[in-house]
N, C-alpha and C. Protein backbone atom coordinates (compact mmCIF):
# COMPACT_ATOMS: atom_id res chain seq x y z
N MET A 1 54.81 107.58 45.35
CA MET A 1 55.87 108.56 45.17
C MET A 1 56.47 108.41 43.78
N HIS A 2 56.98 109.48 43.28
CA HIS A 2 57.50 109.50 41.92
C HIS A 2 58.86 108.82 41.84
N GLN A 3 59.21 108.45 40.63
CA GLN A 3 60.48 107.79 40.36
C GLN A 3 61.63 108.81 40.36
N ALA A 4 62.73 108.45 40.96
CA ALA A 4 63.92 109.30 40.94
C ALA A 4 64.59 109.19 39.58
N GLN A 5 65.24 110.26 39.16
CA GLN A 5 65.94 110.26 37.89
C GLN A 5 67.44 110.41 38.13
N ARG A 6 68.19 109.81 37.24
CA ARG A 6 69.64 109.94 37.30
C ARG A 6 70.00 111.42 37.23
N SER A 7 70.94 111.83 38.03
CA SER A 7 71.35 113.23 38.09
C SER A 7 71.90 113.71 36.75
N LYS A 8 71.57 114.94 36.40
CA LYS A 8 72.07 115.53 35.17
C LYS A 8 73.25 116.46 35.43
N ILE A 9 73.68 116.54 36.66
CA ILE A 9 74.84 117.35 37.02
C ILE A 9 76.09 116.61 36.54
N PRO A 10 76.96 117.27 35.80
CA PRO A 10 78.15 116.60 35.28
C PRO A 10 78.99 115.95 36.39
N ARG A 11 79.39 114.72 36.17
CA ARG A 11 80.23 113.93 37.09
C ARG A 11 79.55 113.62 38.42
N ALA A 12 78.29 113.93 38.57
CA ALA A 12 77.58 113.62 39.81
C ALA A 12 77.14 112.16 39.78
N GLN A 13 77.23 111.53 40.90
CA GLN A 13 76.76 110.15 41.01
C GLN A 13 75.48 110.15 41.82
N GLY A 14 74.61 109.23 41.49
CA GLY A 14 73.38 109.10 42.24
C GLY A 14 72.18 109.58 41.46
N VAL A 15 71.09 109.77 42.19
CA VAL A 15 69.83 110.18 41.59
C VAL A 15 69.35 111.47 42.25
N THR A 16 68.57 112.23 41.49
CA THR A 16 68.00 113.46 42.00
C THR A 16 66.68 113.11 42.69
N PRO A 17 66.48 113.54 43.93
CA PRO A 17 65.23 113.23 44.63
C PRO A 17 64.04 113.86 43.92
N PRO A 18 62.94 113.10 43.75
CA PRO A 18 61.75 113.66 43.12
C PRO A 18 61.11 114.73 44.00
N ASP A 19 60.32 115.60 43.37
CA ASP A 19 59.70 116.71 44.09
C ASP A 19 58.82 116.27 45.25
N ASP A 20 58.10 115.15 45.09
CA ASP A 20 57.20 114.73 46.17
C ASP A 20 57.97 114.35 47.44
N VAL A 21 59.14 113.74 47.27
CA VAL A 21 59.96 113.39 48.43
C VAL A 21 60.52 114.66 49.08
N ARG A 22 60.98 115.59 48.24
CA ARG A 22 61.51 116.85 48.76
C ARG A 22 60.44 117.60 49.53
N GLN A 23 59.23 117.65 48.99
CA GLN A 23 58.14 118.37 49.65
C GLN A 23 57.72 117.69 50.94
N ALA A 24 57.65 116.37 50.94
CA ALA A 24 57.28 115.64 52.16
C ALA A 24 58.31 115.85 53.26
N LEU A 25 59.58 115.84 52.89
CA LEU A 25 60.64 116.06 53.87
C LEU A 25 60.59 117.49 54.40
N GLY A 26 60.38 118.45 53.51
CA GLY A 26 60.26 119.84 53.93
C GLY A 26 59.08 120.06 54.85
N ALA A 27 57.96 119.41 54.55
CA ALA A 27 56.76 119.53 55.39
C ALA A 27 57.00 118.94 56.78
N LEU A 28 57.71 117.82 56.84
CA LEU A 28 58.02 117.21 58.13
C LEU A 28 58.92 118.14 58.96
N VAL A 29 59.93 118.70 58.34
CA VAL A 29 60.83 119.62 59.05
C VAL A 29 60.04 120.85 59.54
N SER A 30 59.15 121.36 58.71
CA SER A 30 58.34 122.52 59.12
C SER A 30 57.43 122.18 60.29
N ALA A 31 56.92 120.96 60.30
CA ALA A 31 55.98 120.55 61.33
C ALA A 31 56.65 120.27 62.67
N ILE A 32 57.78 119.58 62.66
CA ILE A 32 58.36 119.14 63.93
C ILE A 32 59.75 119.70 64.21
N GLY A 33 60.35 120.38 63.23
CA GLY A 33 61.69 120.94 63.41
C GLY A 33 62.76 120.03 62.86
N GLU A 34 63.92 120.64 62.60
CA GLU A 34 65.01 119.90 61.96
C GLU A 34 65.55 118.77 62.82
N ARG A 35 65.84 119.06 64.07
CA ARG A 35 66.45 118.03 64.94
C ARG A 35 65.53 116.83 65.11
N ALA A 36 64.25 117.08 65.35
CA ALA A 36 63.30 115.98 65.53
C ALA A 36 63.15 115.18 64.23
N ALA A 37 63.15 115.86 63.09
CA ALA A 37 63.05 115.16 61.81
C ALA A 37 64.28 114.28 61.58
N LEU A 38 65.46 114.79 61.90
CA LEU A 38 66.68 113.99 61.74
C LEU A 38 66.63 112.73 62.60
N GLU A 39 66.16 112.88 63.83
CA GLU A 39 66.07 111.73 64.73
C GLU A 39 65.02 110.75 64.26
N ARG A 40 63.86 111.27 63.85
CA ARG A 40 62.77 110.40 63.43
C ARG A 40 63.14 109.61 62.18
N LEU A 41 63.81 110.25 61.24
CA LEU A 41 64.15 109.60 59.98
C LEU A 41 65.48 108.86 60.02
N ASN A 42 66.24 109.10 61.08
CA ASN A 42 67.55 108.46 61.23
C ASN A 42 68.46 108.75 60.03
N ILE A 43 68.54 110.05 59.68
CA ILE A 43 69.41 110.49 58.60
C ILE A 43 70.32 111.60 59.11
N SER A 44 71.38 111.86 58.35
CA SER A 44 72.30 112.93 58.74
C SER A 44 71.78 114.27 58.26
N ARG A 45 72.32 115.32 58.83
CA ARG A 45 71.95 116.68 58.42
C ARG A 45 72.34 116.92 56.97
N GLN A 46 73.47 116.36 56.55
CA GLN A 46 73.90 116.50 55.16
C GLN A 46 72.90 115.84 54.21
N THR A 47 72.42 114.67 54.57
CA THR A 47 71.42 113.99 53.74
C THR A 47 70.15 114.82 53.66
N LEU A 48 69.71 115.35 54.78
CA LEU A 48 68.52 116.21 54.80
C LEU A 48 68.71 117.39 53.85
N ALA A 49 69.85 118.03 53.92
CA ALA A 49 70.12 119.20 53.08
C ALA A 49 70.17 118.81 51.60
N ARG A 50 70.81 117.70 51.29
CA ARG A 50 70.92 117.28 49.88
C ARG A 50 69.56 116.94 49.30
N VAL A 51 68.75 116.20 50.05
CA VAL A 51 67.45 115.81 49.53
C VAL A 51 66.53 117.02 49.37
N THR A 52 66.44 117.85 50.39
CA THR A 52 65.55 119.01 50.29
C THR A 52 66.05 120.01 49.25
N GLY A 53 67.35 120.05 49.02
CA GLY A 53 67.92 120.95 48.02
C GLY A 53 67.90 120.38 46.61
N GLY A 54 67.49 119.13 46.47
CA GLY A 54 67.42 118.52 45.14
C GLY A 54 68.75 118.08 44.58
N LEU A 55 69.74 117.92 45.44
CA LEU A 55 71.06 117.47 44.99
C LEU A 55 71.09 115.95 44.91
N PRO A 56 71.96 115.40 44.08
CA PRO A 56 72.01 113.95 43.92
C PRO A 56 72.39 113.23 45.22
N VAL A 57 71.72 112.11 45.45
CA VAL A 57 72.03 111.22 46.57
C VAL A 57 72.09 109.79 46.02
N ARG A 58 72.65 108.91 46.77
CA ARG A 58 72.72 107.52 46.34
C ARG A 58 71.33 106.90 46.36
N VAL A 59 71.14 105.92 45.51
CA VAL A 59 69.84 105.27 45.38
C VAL A 59 69.39 104.70 46.73
N GLY A 60 70.30 104.06 47.44
CA GLY A 60 69.97 103.48 48.74
C GLY A 60 69.59 104.52 49.77
N THR A 61 70.24 105.66 49.72
CA THR A 61 69.92 106.76 50.65
C THR A 61 68.51 107.26 50.38
N LEU A 62 68.18 107.45 49.12
CA LEU A 62 66.84 107.91 48.76
C LEU A 62 65.80 106.88 49.18
N ALA A 63 66.10 105.60 49.01
CA ALA A 63 65.17 104.55 49.42
C ALA A 63 64.94 104.59 50.93
N GLN A 64 66.01 104.82 51.70
CA GLN A 64 65.88 104.91 53.15
C GLN A 64 65.02 106.10 53.55
N VAL A 65 65.25 107.25 52.92
CA VAL A 65 64.47 108.44 53.23
C VAL A 65 62.99 108.19 52.93
N ARG A 66 62.70 107.60 51.78
CA ARG A 66 61.32 107.28 51.42
C ARG A 66 60.67 106.35 52.44
N GLN A 67 61.40 105.30 52.80
CA GLN A 67 60.87 104.32 53.75
C GLN A 67 60.60 104.98 55.10
N GLN A 68 61.51 105.79 55.57
CA GLN A 68 61.34 106.45 56.86
C GLN A 68 60.21 107.47 56.82
N LEU A 69 60.05 108.19 55.71
CA LEU A 69 58.94 109.13 55.57
C LEU A 69 57.60 108.39 55.63
N GLN A 70 57.52 107.26 54.96
CA GLN A 70 56.29 106.48 54.98
C GLN A 70 56.01 105.94 56.37
N ALA A 71 57.04 105.45 57.04
CA ALA A 71 56.86 104.94 58.40
C ALA A 71 56.44 106.06 59.34
N SER A 72 57.01 107.23 59.16
CA SER A 72 56.66 108.38 59.99
C SER A 72 55.21 108.78 59.78
N ALA A 73 54.76 108.76 58.53
CA ALA A 73 53.37 109.11 58.22
C ALA A 73 52.41 108.09 58.81
N GLN A 74 52.79 106.83 58.82
CA GLN A 74 51.93 105.77 59.36
C GLN A 74 51.85 105.83 60.88
N LYS A 75 52.89 106.37 61.51
CA LYS A 75 52.88 106.48 62.97
C LYS A 75 51.86 107.48 63.47
N GLY A 76 51.49 108.42 62.62
CA GLY A 76 50.44 109.32 63.04
C GLY A 76 50.80 110.79 63.04
N GLY A 77 51.77 111.20 62.27
CA GLY A 77 52.00 112.62 62.10
C GLY A 77 53.04 113.22 63.00
N ALA A 78 52.95 114.54 63.16
CA ALA A 78 54.01 115.33 63.76
C ALA A 78 54.12 115.20 65.26
N ASN A 79 53.06 114.86 65.96
CA ASN A 79 53.11 114.86 67.42
C ASN A 79 53.56 113.54 68.01
N HIS A 80 53.95 112.62 67.18
CA HIS A 80 54.44 111.34 67.65
C HIS A 80 55.95 111.37 67.73
N GLY A 81 56.53 111.04 68.84
CA GLY A 81 57.99 111.05 68.91
C GLY A 81 58.49 111.15 70.33
N ASN A 82 59.78 111.43 70.46
CA ASN A 82 60.41 111.46 71.77
C ASN A 82 60.39 112.84 72.41
N GLY A 83 60.16 113.84 71.63
CA GLY A 83 60.40 115.16 72.11
C GLY A 83 59.29 115.93 72.60
């Protein structure tokens, strides 16, 4: 996955999610739906919206999203889960 860059939005704190993370998250939501993606990744709806929208998030938040996306991919795709 690509390196995150410091946000260029004035007074914004955090990093801008790279395109590959945004696309992977969007693909997961398209495949299994928003609610299932939120549960699988253990993130808030606000975090989902910020990452997919390319808005700055904290470095630790981005690291968690990346880790959960990788774990989700290793589990075997969209049909694995509680729902």
